[in-house]
């Protein structure tokens, strides 16, 4: 039976790559498995050109946080896109509110028709 300490030691060995990092136990997934994973995660491979200094900075930042730079960039882009979408939606809501206020300032149809009759 595994003790709590054994499990903790085992987890630390995975974290510091004493376990699970040897090439002899690693194998590439098949293209169909990779495609299935991409579909499941809704991932799309892209190509992007970045300045070498920017890429080096991103890799350094990711290494400092002990994460891969590609997942970090994906997270950064996700957060940026969500924030920008919120800004766009707020701008659209403000335009709708402004248009609604403008409509409320206009004379109702019945008053408009009455004014036309009075002018005739």
PDB file of N, CA and C in Angstrom:
ATOM      1  N   UNK A   1       0.846  -1.175   0.000  1.00  0.00           N
ATOM      2  CA  UNK A   1       0.000   0.000   0.000  1.00  0.00           C
ATOM      3  C   UNK A   1       0.893   1.240   0.000  1.00  0.00           C
ATOM      4  N   UNK A   2       0.549   2.212  -0.841  1.00  0.00           N
ATOM      5  CA  UNK A   2       1.325   3.440  -0.964  1.00  0.00           C
ATOM      6  C   UNK A   2       0.928   4.396   0.142  1.00  0.00           C
ATOM      7  N   UNK A   3       1.933   4.931   0.811  1.00  0.00           N
ATOM      8  CA  UNK A   3       1.652   5.905   1.857  1.00  0.00           C
ATOM      9  C   UNK A   3       1.508   7.281   1.256  1.00  0.00           C
ATOM     10  N   UNK A   4       0.987   8.181   2.068  1.00  0.00           N
ATOM     11  CA  UNK A   4       0.831   9.575   1.626  1.00  0.00           C
ATOM     12  C   UNK A   4       2.191  10.170   1.265  1.00  0.00           C
ATOM     13  N   UNK A   5       3.216   9.865   2.058  1.00  0.00           N
ATOM     14  CA  UNK A   5       4.557  10.385   1.792  1.00  0.00           C
ATOM     15  C   UNK A   5       5.104   9.827   0.482  1.00  0.00           C
ATOM     16  N   UNK A   6       4.864   8.540   0.225  1.00  0.00           N
ATOM     17  CA  UNK A   6       5.303   7.938  -1.038  1.00  0.00           C
ATOM     18  C   UNK A   6       4.653   8.644  -2.224  1.00  0.00           C
ATOM     19  N   UNK A   7       3.356   8.899  -2.112  1.00  0.00           N
ATOM     20  CA  UNK A   7       2.631   9.586  -3.185  1.00  0.00           C
ATOM     21  C   UNK A   7       3.179  10.985  -3.391  1.00  0.00           C
ATOM     22  N   UNK A   8       3.486  11.666  -2.279  1.00  0.00           N
ATOM     23  CA  UNK A   8       4.027  13.027  -2.367  1.00  0.00           C
ATOM     24  C   UNK A   8       5.418  13.002  -3.011  1.00  0.00           C
ATOM     25  N   UNK A   9       6.243  12.046  -2.593  1.00  0.00           N
ATOM     26  CA  UNK A   9       7.573  11.914  -3.188  1.00  0.00           C
ATOM     27  C   UNK A   9       7.462  11.598  -4.677  1.00  0.00           C
ATOM     28  N   UNK A  10       6.528  10.707  -5.021  1.00  0.00           N
ATOM     29  CA  UNK A  10       6.312  10.330  -6.411  1.00  0.00           C
ATOM     30  C   UNK A  10       5.870  11.550  -7.230  1.00  0.00           C
ATOM     31  N   UNK A  11       4.975  12.354  -6.684  1.00  0.00           N
ATOM     32  CA  UNK A  11       4.510  13.553  -7.376  1.00  0.00           C
ATOM     33  C   UNK A  11       5.668  14.523  -7.595  1.00  0.00           C
ATOM     34  N   UNK A  12       6.523  14.657  -6.589  1.00  0.00           N
ATOM     35  CA  UNK A  12       7.680  15.549  -6.729  1.00  0.00           C
ATOM     36  C   UNK A  12       8.632  15.040  -7.807  1.00  0.00           C
ATOM     37  N   UNK A  13       8.777  13.728  -7.892  1.00  0.00           N
ATOM     38  CA  UNK A  13       9.652  13.157  -8.917  1.00  0.00           C
ATOM     39  C   UNK A  13       9.097  13.439 -10.317  1.00  0.00           C
ATOM     40  N   UNK A  14       7.765  13.411 -10.483  1.00  0.00           N
ATOM     41  CA  UNK A  14       7.154  13.772 -11.762  1.00  0.00           C
ATOM     42  C   UNK A  14       7.383  15.251 -12.035  1.00  0.00           C
ATOM     43  N   UNK A  15       7.197  16.097 -10.996  1.00  0.00           N
ATOM     44  CA  UNK A  15       7.347  17.541 -11.169  1.00  0.00           C
ATOM     45  C   UNK A  15       8.769  17.933 -11.540  1.00  0.00           C
ATOM     46  N   UNK A  16       9.760  17.300 -10.912  1.00  0.00           N
ATOM     47  CA  UNK A  16      11.141  17.668 -11.232  1.00  0.00           C
ATOM     48  C   UNK A  16      11.728  16.828 -12.364  1.00  0.00           C
ATOM     49  N   UNK A  17      10.847  16.061 -13.027  1.00  0.00           N
ATOM     50  CA  UNK A  17      11.166  15.306 -14.237  1.00  0.00           C
ATOM     51  C   UNK A  17      12.116  14.125 -14.007  1.00  0.00           C
ATOM     52  N   UNK A  18      12.209  13.644 -12.755  1.00  0.00           N
ATOM     53  CA  UNK A  18      12.941  12.402 -12.513  1.00  0.00           C
ATOM     54  C   UNK A  18      12.149  11.231 -13.095  1.00  0.00           C
ATOM     55  N   UNK A  19      10.828  11.365 -13.103  1.00  0.00           N
ATOM     56  CA  UNK A  19       9.953  10.368 -13.713  1.00  0.00           C
ATOM     57  C   UNK A  19       9.255  10.997 -14.924  1.00  0.00           C
ATOM     58  N   UNK A  20       9.017  10.175 -15.932  1.00  0.00           N
ATOM     59  CA  UNK A  20       8.201  10.606 -17.058  1.00  0.00           C
ATOM     60  C   UNK A  20       8.892  11.429 -18.118  1.00  0.00           C
ATOM     61  N   UNK A  21      10.197  11.631 -18.006  1.00  0.00           N
ATOM     62  CA  UNK A  21      10.873  12.481 -18.978  1.00  0.00           C
ATOM     63  C   UNK A  21      11.895  11.739 -19.835  1.00  0.00           C
ATOM     64  N   UNK A  22      12.000  10.445 -19.661  1.00  0.00           N
ATOM     65  CA  UNK A  22      13.005   9.717 -20.428  1.00  0.00           C
ATOM     66  C   UNK A  22      12.492   9.437 -21.838  1.00  0.00           C
ATOM     67  N   UNK A  23      13.375   9.593 -22.803  1.00  0.00           N
ATOM     68  CA  UNK A  23      13.001   9.376 -24.196  1.00  0.00           C
ATOM     69  C   UNK A  23      12.655   7.922 -24.472  1.00  0.00           C
ATOM     70  N   UNK A  24      13.243   6.993 -23.721  1.00  0.00           N
ATOM     71  CA  UNK A  24      12.976   5.576 -23.968  1.00  0.00           C
ATOM     72  C   UNK A  24      11.532   5.199 -23.660  1.00  0.00           C
ATOM     73  N   UNK A  25      10.849   5.988 -22.844  1.00  0.00           N
ATOM     74  CA  UNK A  25       9.454   5.708 -22.508  1.00  0.00           C
ATOM     75  C   UNK A  25       8.479   6.624 -23.236  1.00  0.00           C
ATOM     76  N   UNK A  26       9.015   7.503 -24.058  1.00  0.00           N
ATOM     77  CA  UNK A  26       8.159   8.444 -24.791  1.00  0.00           C
ATOM     78  C   UNK A  26       7.927   7.930 -26.206  1.00  0.00           C
ATOM     79  N   UNK A  27       6.752   8.192 -26.717  1.00  0.00           N
ATOM     80  CA  UNK A  27       6.476   7.857 -28.110  1.00  0.00           C
ATOM     81  C   UNK A  27       5.539   8.907 -28.683  1.00  0.00           C
ATOM     82  N   UNK A  28       5.700   9.171 -29.946  1.00  0.00           N
ATOM     83  CA  UNK A  28       4.858  10.158 -30.616  1.00  0.00           C
ATOM     84  C   UNK A  28       3.470   9.573 -30.829  1.00  0.00           C
ATOM     85  N   UNK A  29       2.489  10.432 -30.746  1.00  0.00           N
ATOM     86  CA  UNK A  29       1.125   9.975 -31.042  1.00  0.00           C
ATOM     87  C   UNK A  29       0.960   9.915 -32.553  1.00  0.00           C
ATOM     88  N   UNK A  30       0.043   9.105 -32.981  1.00  0.00           N
ATOM     89  CA  UNK A  30      -0.206   8.984 -34.413  1.00  0.00           C
ATOM     90  C   UNK A  30      -0.864  10.273 -34.917  1.00  0.00           C
ATOM     91  N   UNK A  31      -0.758  10.553 -36.212  1.00  0.00           N
ATOM     92  CA  UNK A  31      -1.420  11.737 -36.758  1.00  0.00           C
ATOM     93  C   UNK A  31      -2.920  11.750 -36.474  1.00  0.00           C
ATOM     94  N   UNK A  32      -3.560  10.580 -36.492  1.00  0.00           N
ATOM     95  CA  UNK A  32      -5.005  10.539 -36.227  1.00  0.00           C
ATOM     96  C   UNK A  32      -5.295  10.867 -34.765  1.00  0.00           C
ATOM     97  N   UNK A  33      -4.434  10.394 -33.852  1.00  0.00           N
ATOM     98  CA  UNK A  33      -4.609  10.730 -32.431  1.00  0.00           C
ATOM     99  C   UNK A  33      -4.362  12.221 -32.197  1.00  0.00           C
ATOM    100  N   UNK A  34      -3.357  12.772 -32.869  1.00  0.00           N
ATOM    101  CA  UNK A  34      -3.071  14.198 -32.736  1.00  0.00           C
ATOM    102  C   UNK A  34      -4.246  15.019 -33.260  1.00  0.00           C
ATOM    103  N   UNK A  35      -4.806  14.606 -34.396  1.00  0.00           N
ATOM    104  CA  UNK A  35      -5.961  15.316 -34.961  1.00  0.00           C
ATOM    105  C   UNK A  35      -7.168  15.215 -34.031  1.00  0.00           C
ATOM    106  N   UNK A  36      -7.353  14.031 -33.423  1.00  0.00           N
ATOM    107  CA  UNK A  36      -8.468  13.833 -32.488  1.00  0.00           C
ATOM    108  C   UNK A  36      -8.302  14.756 -31.274  1.00  0.00           C
ATOM    109  N   UNK A  37      -7.083  14.851 -30.768  1.00  0.00           N
ATOM    110  CA  UNK A  37      -6.799  15.732 -29.635  1.00  0.00           C
ATOM    111  C   UNK A  37      -7.064  17.188 -30.016  1.00  0.00           C
ATOM    112  N   UNK A  38      -6.558  17.596 -31.192  1.00  0.00           N
ATOM    113  CA  UNK A  38      -6.780  18.971 -31.643  1.00  0.00           C
ATOM    114  C   UNK A  38      -8.270  19.271 -31.778  1.00  0.00           C
ATOM    115  N   UNK A  39      -9.024  18.335 -32.330  1.00  0.00           N
ATOM    116  CA  UNK A  39     -10.474  18.515 -32.465  1.00  0.00           C
ATOM    117  C   UNK A  39     -11.132  18.639 -31.096  1.00  0.00           C
ATOM    118  N   UNK A  40     -10.746  17.761 -30.186  1.00  0.00           N
ATOM    119  CA  UNK A  40     -11.327  17.748 -28.855  1.00  0.00           C
ATOM    120  C   UNK A  40     -11.046  19.073 -28.126  1.00  0.00           C
ATOM    121  N   UNK A  41      -9.830  19.580 -28.293  1.00  0.00           N
ATOM    122  CA  UNK A  41      -9.430  20.824 -27.624  1.00  0.00           C
ATOM    123  C   UNK A  41      -9.747  22.066 -28.475  1.00  0.00           C
ATOM    124  N   UNK A  42     -10.331  21.849 -29.641  1.00  0.00           N
ATOM    125  CA  UNK A  42     -10.640  22.915 -30.595  1.00  0.00           C
ATOM    126  C   UNK A  42      -9.399  23.751 -30.917  1.00  0.00           C
ATOM    127  N   UNK A  43      -8.300  23.056 -31.204  1.00  0.00           N
ATOM    128  CA  UNK A  43      -7.029  23.706 -31.532  1.00  0.00           C
ATOM    129  C   UNK A  43      -6.827  23.730 -33.038  1.00  0.00           C
ATOM    130  N   UNK A  44      -6.229  24.815 -33.511  1.00  0.00           N
ATOM    131  CA  UNK A  44      -5.895  24.970 -34.917  1.00  0.00           C
ATOM    132  C   UNK A  44      -4.430  25.388 -35.002  1.00  0.00           C
ATOM    133  N   UNK A  45      -3.623  24.618 -35.700  1.00  0.00           N
ATOM    134  CA  UNK A  45      -2.222  24.973 -35.881  1.00  0.00           C
ATOM    135  C   UNK A  45      -2.131  26.194 -36.794  1.00  0.00           C
ATOM    136  N   UNK A  46      -1.272  27.139 -36.417  1.00  0.00           N
ATOM    137  CA  UNK A  46      -1.048  28.327 -37.240  1.00  0.00           C
ATOM    138  C   UNK A  46       0.447  28.569 -37.362  1.00  0.00           C
ATOM    139  N   UNK A  47       0.790  29.458 -38.249  1.00  0.00           N
ATOM    140  CA  UNK A  47       2.172  29.885 -38.400  1.00  0.00           C
ATOM    141  C   UNK A  47       2.196  31.389 -38.200  1.00  0.00           C
ATOM    142  N   UNK A  48       3.127  31.858 -37.395  1.00  0.00           N
ATOM    143  CA  UNK A  48       3.223  33.295 -37.127  1.00  0.00           C
ATOM    144  C   UNK A  48       4.695  33.673 -37.055  1.00  0.00           C
ATOM    145  N   UNK A  49       5.010  34.816 -37.595  1.00  0.00           N
ATOM    146  CA  UNK A  49       6.388  35.302 -37.546  1.00  0.00           C
ATOM    147  C   UNK A  49       6.486  36.340 -36.439  1.00  0.00           C
ATOM    148  N   UNK A  50       7.427  36.109 -35.523  1.00  0.00           N
ATOM    149  CA  UNK A  50       7.656  37.022 -34.409  1.00  0.00           C
ATOM    150  C   UNK A  50       9.115  37.453 -34.425  1.00  0.00           C
ATOM    151  N   UNK A  51       9.363  38.633 -33.890  1.00  0.00           N
ATOM    152  CA  UNK A  51      10.750  39.061 -33.744  1.00  0.00           C
ATOM    153  C   UNK A  51      11.464  38.072 -32.826  1.00  0.00           C
ATOM    154  N   UNK A  52      12.714  37.774 -33.152  1.00  0.00           N
ATOM    155  CA  UNK A  52      13.479  36.821 -32.353  1.00  0.00           C
ATOM    156  C   UNK A  52      13.561  37.253 -30.899  1.00  0.00           C
ATOM    157  N   UNK A  53      13.730  38.556 -30.679  1.00  0.00           N
ATOM    158  CA  UNK A  53      13.831  39.036 -29.299  1.00  0.00           C
ATOM    159  C   UNK A  53      12.526  38.823 -28.540  1.00  0.00           C
ATOM    160  N   UNK A  54      11.384  39.012 -29.215  1.00  0.00           N
ATOM    161  CA  UNK A  54      10.090  38.778 -28.570  1.00  0.00           C
ATOM    162  C   UNK A  54       9.943  37.300 -28.223  1.00  0.00           C
ATOM    163  N   UNK A  55      10.273  36.429 -29.156  1.00  0.00           N
ATOM    164  CA  UNK A  55      10.167  34.994 -28.909  1.00  0.00           C
ATOM    165  C   UNK A  55      11.077  34.575 -27.757  1.00  0.00           C
ATOM    166  N   UNK A  56      12.303  35.100 -27.733  1.00  0.00           N
ATOM    167  CA  UNK A  56      13.218  34.788 -26.633  1.00  0.00           C
ATOM    168  C   UNK A  56      12.661  35.272 -25.300  1.00  0.00           C
ATOM    169  N   UNK A  57      12.072  36.478 -25.298  1.00  0.00           N
ATOM    170  CA  UNK A  57      11.470  36.993 -24.066  1.00  0.00           C
ATOM    171  C   UNK A  57      10.309  36.116 -23.608  1.00  0.00           C
ATOM    172  N   UNK A  58       9.471  35.703 -24.547  1.00  0.00           N
ATOM    173  CA  UNK A  58       8.338  34.835 -24.199  1.00  0.00           C
ATOM    174  C   UNK A  58       8.829  33.514 -23.614  1.00  0.00           C
ATOM    175  N   UNK A  59       9.850  32.944 -24.219  1.00  0.00           N
ATOM    176  CA  UNK A  59      10.398  31.684 -23.717  1.00  0.00           C
ATOM    177  C   UNK A  59      11.006  31.864 -22.326  1.00  0.00           C
ATOM    178  N   UNK A  60      11.681  32.981 -22.098  1.00  0.00           N
ATOM    179  CA  UNK A  60      12.270  33.253 -20.783  1.00  0.00           C
ATOM    180  C   UNK A  60      11.192  33.409 -19.726  1.00  0.00           C
ATOM    181  N   UNK A  61      10.144  34.144 -20.069  1.00  0.00           N
ATOM    182  CA  UNK A  61       9.028  34.343 -19.127  1.00  0.00           C
ATOM    183  C   UNK A  61       8.379  33.006 -18.806  1.00  0.00           C
ATOM    184  N   UNK A  62       8.130  32.192 -19.833  1.00  0.00           N
ATOM    185  CA  UNK A  62       7.507  30.886 -19.626  1.00  0.00           C
ATOM    186  C   UNK A  62       8.394  29.995 -18.757  1.00  0.00           C
ATOM    187  N   UNK A  63       9.690  29.990 -19.030  1.00  0.00           N
ATOM    188  CA  UNK A  63      10.611  29.175 -18.234  1.00  0.00           C
ATOM    189  C   UNK A  63      10.607  29.632 -16.776  1.00  0.00           C
ATOM    190  N   UNK A  64      10.547  30.933 -16.562  1.00  0.00           N
ATOM    191  CA  UNK A  64      10.495  31.461 -15.195  1.00  0.00           C
ATOM    192  C   UNK A  64       9.273  30.937 -14.453  1.00  0.00           C
ATOM    193  N   UNK A  65       8.153  30.814 -15.167  1.00  0.00           N
ATOM    194  CA  UNK A  65       6.913  30.322 -14.555  1.00  0.00           C
ATOM    195  C   UNK A  65       6.783  28.803 -14.662  1.00  0.00           C
ATOM    196  N   UNK A  66       7.835  28.165 -15.213  1.00  0.00           N
ATOM    197  CA  UNK A  66       7.902  26.711 -15.360  1.00  0.00           C
ATOM    198  C   UNK A  66       6.734  26.152 -16.173  1.00  0.00           C
ATOM    199  N   UNK A  67       6.459  26.843 -17.289  1.00  0.00           N
ATOM    200  CA  UNK A  67       5.436  26.369 -18.222  1.00  0.00           C
ATOM    201  C   UNK A  67       6.003  26.460 -19.627  1.00  0.00           C
ATOM    202  N   UNK A  68       5.374  25.799 -20.567  1.00  0.00           N
ATOM    203  CA  UNK A  68       5.790  25.885 -21.958  1.00  0.00           C
ATOM    204  C   UNK A  68       5.401  27.237 -22.537  1.00  0.00           C
ATOM    205  N   UNK A  69       6.198  27.739 -23.452  1.00  0.00           N
ATOM    206  CA  UNK A  69       5.895  29.068 -23.986  1.00  0.00           C
ATOM    207  C   UNK A  69       4.665  29.058 -24.888  1.00  0.00           C
ATOM    208  N   UNK A  70       4.414  27.972 -25.618  1.00  0.00           N
ATOM    209  CA  UNK A  70       3.238  27.948 -26.488  1.00  0.00           C
ATOM    210  C   UNK A  70       1.929  27.962 -25.697  1.00  0.00           C
ATOM    211  N   UNK A  71       1.779  27.148 -24.640  1.00  0.00           N
ATOM    212  CA  UNK A  71       0.558  27.271 -23.832  1.00  0.00           C
ATOM    213  C   UNK A  71       0.428  28.659 -23.187  1.00  0.00           C
ATOM    214  N   UNK A  72       1.570  29.240 -22.793  1.00  0.00           N
ATOM    215  CA  UNK A  72       1.520  30.572 -22.201  1.00  0.00           C
ATOM    216  C   UNK A  72       1.038  31.604 -23.225  1.00  0.00           C
ATOM    217  N   UNK A  73       1.561  31.534 -24.445  1.00  0.00           N
ATOM    218  CA  UNK A  73       1.140  32.464 -25.493  1.00  0.00           C
ATOM    219  C   UNK A  73      -0.339  32.252 -25.815  1.00  0.00           C
ATOM    220  N   UNK A  74      -0.781  30.983 -25.846  1.00  0.00           N
ATOM    221  CA  UNK A  74      -2.200  30.697 -26.086  1.00  0.00           C
ATOM    222  C   UNK A  74      -3.059  31.327 -24.993  1.00  0.00           C
ATOM    223  N   UNK A  75      -2.614  31.233 -23.733  1.00  0.00           N
ATOM    224  CA  UNK A  75      -3.347  31.831 -22.620  1.00  0.00           C
ATOM    225  C   UNK A  75      -3.355  33.356 -22.730  1.00  0.00           C
ATOM    226  N   UNK A  76      -2.202  33.941 -23.084  1.00  0.00           N
ATOM    227  CA  UNK A  76      -2.130  35.401 -23.241  1.00  0.00           C
ATOM    228  C   UNK A  76      -3.079  35.885 -24.339  1.00  0.00           C
ATOM    229  N   UNK A  77      -3.073  35.198 -25.460  1.00  0.00           N
ATOM    230  CA  UNK A  77      -3.946  35.582 -26.569  1.00  0.00           C
ATOM    231  C   UNK A  77      -5.416  35.393 -26.214  1.00  0.00           C
ATOM    232  N   UNK A  78      -5.717  34.340 -25.481  1.00  0.00           N
ATOM    233  CA  UNK A  78      -7.102  34.105 -25.051  1.00  0.00           C
ATOM    234  C   UNK A  78      -7.577  35.235 -24.153  1.00  0.00           C
ATOM    235  N   UNK A  79      -6.748  35.598 -23.172  1.00  0.00           N
ATOM    236  CA  UNK A  79      -7.139  36.686 -22.258  1.00  0.00           C
ATOM    237  C   UNK A  79      -7.278  38.010 -23.004  1.00  0.00           C
ATOM    238  N   UNK A  80      -6.358  38.283 -23.925  1.00  0.00           N
ATOM    239  CA  UNK A  80      -6.438  39.522 -24.709  1.00  0.00           C
ATOM    240  C   UNK A  80      -7.710  39.548 -25.546  1.00  0.00           C
ATOM    241  N   UNK A  81      -7.992  38.439 -26.246  1.00  0.00           N
ATOM    242  CA  UNK A  81      -9.174  38.390 -27.107  1.00  0.00           C
ATOM    243  C   UNK A  81     -10.453  38.553 -26.296  1.00  0.00           C
ATOM    244  N   UNK A  82     -10.534  37.918 -25.137  1.00  0.00           N
ATOM    245  CA  UNK A  82     -11.726  38.056 -24.294  1.00  0.00           C
ATOM    246  C   UNK A  82     -11.912  39.504 -23.835  1.00  0.00           C
ATOM    247  N   UNK A  83     -10.827  40.150 -23.436  1.00  0.00           N
ATOM    248  CA  UNK A  83     -10.908  41.542 -22.989  1.00  0.00           C
ATOM    249  C   UNK A  83     -11.333  42.465 -24.133  1.00  0.00           C
ATOM    250  N   UNK A  84     -10.786  42.246 -25.308  1.00  0.00           N
ATOM    251  CA  UNK A  84     -11.146  43.073 -26.456  1.00  0.00           C
ATOM    252  C   UNK A  84     -12.592  42.842 -26.873  1.00  0.00           C
ATOM    253  N   UNK A  85     -13.042  41.583 -26.827  1.00  0.00           N
ATOM    254  CA  UNK A  85     -14.441  41.290 -27.160  1.00  0.00           C
ATOM    255  C   UNK A  85     -15.377  41.980 -26.178  1.00  0.00           C
ATOM    256  N   UNK A  86     -15.016  42.010 -24.904  1.00  0.00           N
ATOM    257  CA  UNK A  86     -15.833  42.710 -23.912  1.00  0.00           C
ATOM    258  C   UNK A  86     -15.905  44.197 -24.239  1.00  0.00           C
ATOM    259  N   UNK A  87     -14.757  44.796 -24.617  1.00  0.00           N
ATOM    260  CA  UNK A  87     -14.745  46.213 -24.982  1.00  0.00           C
ATOM    261  C   UNK A  87     -15.651  46.470 -26.180  1.00  0.00           C
ATOM    262  N   UNK A  88     -15.565  45.613 -27.191  1.00  0.00           N
ATOM    263  CA  UNK A  88     -16.396  45.771 -28.388  1.00  0.00           C
ATOM    264  C   UNK A  88     -17.872  45.663 -28.033  1.00  0.00           C
ATOM    265  N   UNK A  89     -18.215  44.670 -27.216  1.00  0.00           N
ATOM    266  CA  UNK A  89     -19.614  44.489 -26.830  1.00  0.00           C
ATOM    267  C   UNK A  89     -20.127  45.662 -26.004  1.00  0.00           C
ATOM    268  N   UNK A  90     -19.295  46.188 -25.126  1.00  0.00           N
ATOM    269  CA  UNK A  90     -19.696  47.360 -24.336  1.00  0.00           C
ATOM    270  C   UNK A  90     -19.913  48.556 -25.249  1.00  0.00           C
ATOM    271  N   UNK A  91     -19.024  48.756 -26.228  1.00  0.00           N
ATOM    272  CA  UNK A  91     -19.205  49.848 -27.193  1.00  0.00           C
ATOM    273  C   UNK A  91     -20.521  49.682 -27.950  1.00  0.00           C
ATOM    274  N   UNK A  92     -20.825  48.455 -28.378  1.00  0.00           N
ATOM    275  CA  UNK A  92     -22.075  48.201 -29.096  1.00  0.00           C
ATOM    276  C   UNK A  92     -23.282  48.465 -28.203  1.00  0.00           C
ATOM    277  N   UNK A  93     -23.212  48.035 -26.945  1.00  0.00           N
ATOM    278  CA  UNK A  93     -24.316  48.300 -26.014  1.00  0.00           C
ATOM    279  C   UNK A  93     -24.504  49.795 -25.790  1.00  0.00           C
ATOM    280  N   UNK A  94     -23.396  50.526 -25.699  1.00  0.00           N
ATOM    281  CA  UNK A  94     -23.489  51.977 -25.535  1.00  0.00           C
ATOM    282  C   UNK A  94     -24.147  52.630 -26.746  1.00  0.00           C
ATOM    283  N   UNK A  95     -23.827  52.146 -27.951  1.00  0.00           N
ATOM    284  CA  UNK A  95     -24.457  52.670 -29.161  1.00  0.00           C
ATOM    285  C   UNK A  95     -25.951  52.375 -29.165  1.00  0.00           C
ATOM    286  N   UNK A  96     -26.307  51.169 -28.737  1.00  0.00           N
ATOM    287  CA  UNK A  96     -27.727  50.805 -28.670  1.00  0.00           C
ATOM    288  C   UNK A  96     -28.447  51.691 -27.652  1.00  0.00           C
ATOM    289  N   UNK A  97     -27.826  51.884 -26.484  1.00  0.00           N
ATOM    290  CA  UNK A  97     -28.430  52.747 -25.460  1.00  0.00           C
ATOM    291  C   UNK A  97     -28.588  54.177 -25.974  1.00  0.00           C
ATOM    292  N   UNK A  98     -27.581  54.672 -26.681  1.00  0.00           N
ATOM    293  CA  UNK A  98     -27.641  56.034 -27.232  1.00  0.00           C
ATOM    294  C   UNK A  98     -28.759  56.131 -28.271  1.00  0.00           C
ATOM    295  N   UNK A  99     -28.874  55.141 -29.130  1.00  0.00           N
ATOM    296  CA  UNK A  99     -29.935  55.135 -30.133  1.00  0.00           C
ATOM    297  C   UNK A  99     -31.302  55.081 -29.461  1.00  0.00           C
ATOM    298  N   UNK A 100     -31.403  54.311 -28.388  1.00  0.00           N
ATOM    299  CA  UNK A 100     -32.664  54.227 -27.647  1.00  0.00           C
ATOM    300  C   UNK A 100     -33.017  55.579 -27.036  1.00  0.00           C
ATOM    301  N   UNK A 101     -32.017  56.243 -26.466  1.00  0.00           N
ATOM    302  CA  UNK A 101     -32.266  57.575 -25.889  1.00  0.00           C
ATOM    303  C   UNK A 101     -32.684  58.559 -26.970  1.00  0.00           C
ATOM    304  N   UNK A 102     -32.063  58.462 -28.153  1.00  0.00           N
ATOM    305  CA  UNK A 102     -32.433  59.338 -29.268  1.00  0.00           C
ATOM    306  C   UNK A 102     -33.870  59.081 -29.711  1.00  0.00           C
ATOM    307  N   UNK A 103     -34.256  57.813 -29.755  1.00  0.00           N
ATOM    308  CA  UNK A 103     -35.640  57.475 -30.128  1.00  0.00           C
ATOM    309  C   UNK A 103     -36.633  58.014 -29.105  1.00  0.00           C
ATOM    310  N   UNK A 104     -36.250  57.996 -27.851  1.00  0.00           N
ATOM    311  CA  UNK A 104     -37.146  58.485 -26.803  1.00  0.00           C
ATOM    312  C   UNK A 104     -37.334  59.995 -26.901  1.00  0.00           C
ATOM    313  N   UNK A 105     -36.378  60.686 -27.524  1.00  0.00           N
ATOM    314  CA  UNK A 105     -36.471  62.140 -27.681  1.00  0.00           C
ATOM    315  C   UNK A 105     -37.377  62.531 -28.840  1.00  0.00           C
ATOM    316  N   UNK A 106     -37.678  61.598 -29.736  1.00  0.00           N
ATOM    317  CA  UNK A 106     -38.493  61.920 -30.901  1.00  0.00           C
ATOM    318  C   UNK A 106     -39.966  61.982 -30.525  1.00  0.00           C
ATOM    319  N   UNK A 107     -40.708  62.693 -31.323  1.00  0.00           N
ATOM    320  CA  UNK A 107     -42.140  62.845 -31.099  1.00  0.00           C
ATOM    321  C   UNK A 107     -42.832  61.527 -31.447  1.00  0.00           C
ATOM    322  N   UNK A 108     -43.731  61.046 -30.600  1.00  0.00           N
ATOM    323  CA  UNK A 108     -44.457  59.819 -30.920  1.00  0.00           C
ATOM    324  C   UNK A 108     -45.242  59.979 -32.228  1.00  0.00           C
ATOM    325  N   UNK A 109     -45.528  58.873 -32.887  1.00  0.00           N
ATOM    326  CA  UNK A 109     -46.203  58.864 -34.185  1.00  0.00           C
ATOM    327  C   UNK A 109     -47.546  59.576 -34.114  1.00  0.00           C
ATOM    328  N   UNK A 110     -48.302  59.338 -33.064  1.00  0.00           N
ATOM    329  CA  UNK A 110     -49.631  59.968 -32.973  1.00  0.00           C
ATOM    330  C   UNK A 110     -49.521  61.492 -32.925  1.00  0.00           C
ATOM    331  N   UNK A 111     -48.526  62.000 -32.202  1.00  0.00           N
ATOM    332  CA  UNK A 111     -48.333  63.457 -32.150  1.00  0.00           C
ATOM    333  C   UNK A 111     -47.888  63.977 -33.514  1.00  0.00           C
ATOM    334  N   UNK A 112     -47.043  63.211 -34.196  1.00  0.00           N
ATOM    335  CA  UNK A 112     -46.570  63.613 -35.514  1.00  0.00           C
ATOM    336  C   UNK A 112     -47.739  63.711 -36.491  1.00  0.00           C
ATOM    337  N   UNK A 113     -48.608  62.718 -36.485  1.00  0.00           N
ATOM    338  CA  UNK A 113     -49.775  62.711 -37.380  1.00  0.00           C
ATOM    339  C   UNK A 113     -50.708  63.876 -37.036  1.00  0.00           C
ATOM    340  N   UNK A 114     -50.892  64.111 -35.757  1.00  0.00           N
ATOM    341  CA  UNK A 114     -51.751  65.223 -35.321  1.00  0.00           C
ATOM    342  C   UNK A 114     -51.181  66.554 -35.806  1.00  0.00           C
ATOM    343  N   UNK A 115     -49.868  66.717 -35.712  1.00  0.00           N
ATOM    344  CA  UNK A 115     -49.222  67.950 -36.188  1.00  0.00           C
ATOM    345  C   UNK A 115     -49.423  68.115 -37.695  1.00  0.00           C
ATOM    346  N   UNK A 116     -49.313  66.992 -38.449  1.00  0.00           N
ATOM    347  CA  UNK A 116     -49.546  67.051 -39.894  1.00  0.00           C
ATOM    348  C   UNK A 116     -50.982  67.481 -40.200  1.00  0.00           C
ATOM    349  N   UNK A 117     -51.939  66.960 -39.459  1.00  0.00           N
ATOM    350  CA  UNK A 117     -53.347  67.321 -39.669  1.00  0.00           C
ATOM    351  C   UNK A 117     -53.573  68.790 -39.353  1.00  0.00           C
ATOM    352  N   UNK A 118     -52.920  69.270 -38.317  1.00  0.00           N
ATOM    353  CA  UNK A 118     -53.090  70.676 -37.946  1.00  0.00           C
ATOM    354  C   UNK A 118     -52.477  71.608 -38.982  1.00  0.00           C
ATOM    355  N   UNK A 119     -51.394  71.161 -39.633  1.00  0.00           N
ATOM    356  CA  UNK A 119     -50.735  71.966 -40.646  1.00  0.00           C
ATOM    357  C   UNK A 119     -51.525  71.993 -41.950  1.00  0.00           C
ATOM    358  N   UNK A 120     -52.387  70.997 -42.184  1.00  0.00           N
ATOM    359  CA  UNK A 120     -53.119  70.876 -43.436  1.00  0.00           C
ATOM    360  C   UNK A 120     -54.299  71.800 -43.521  1.00  0.00           C
TER     361      UNK A 120
END
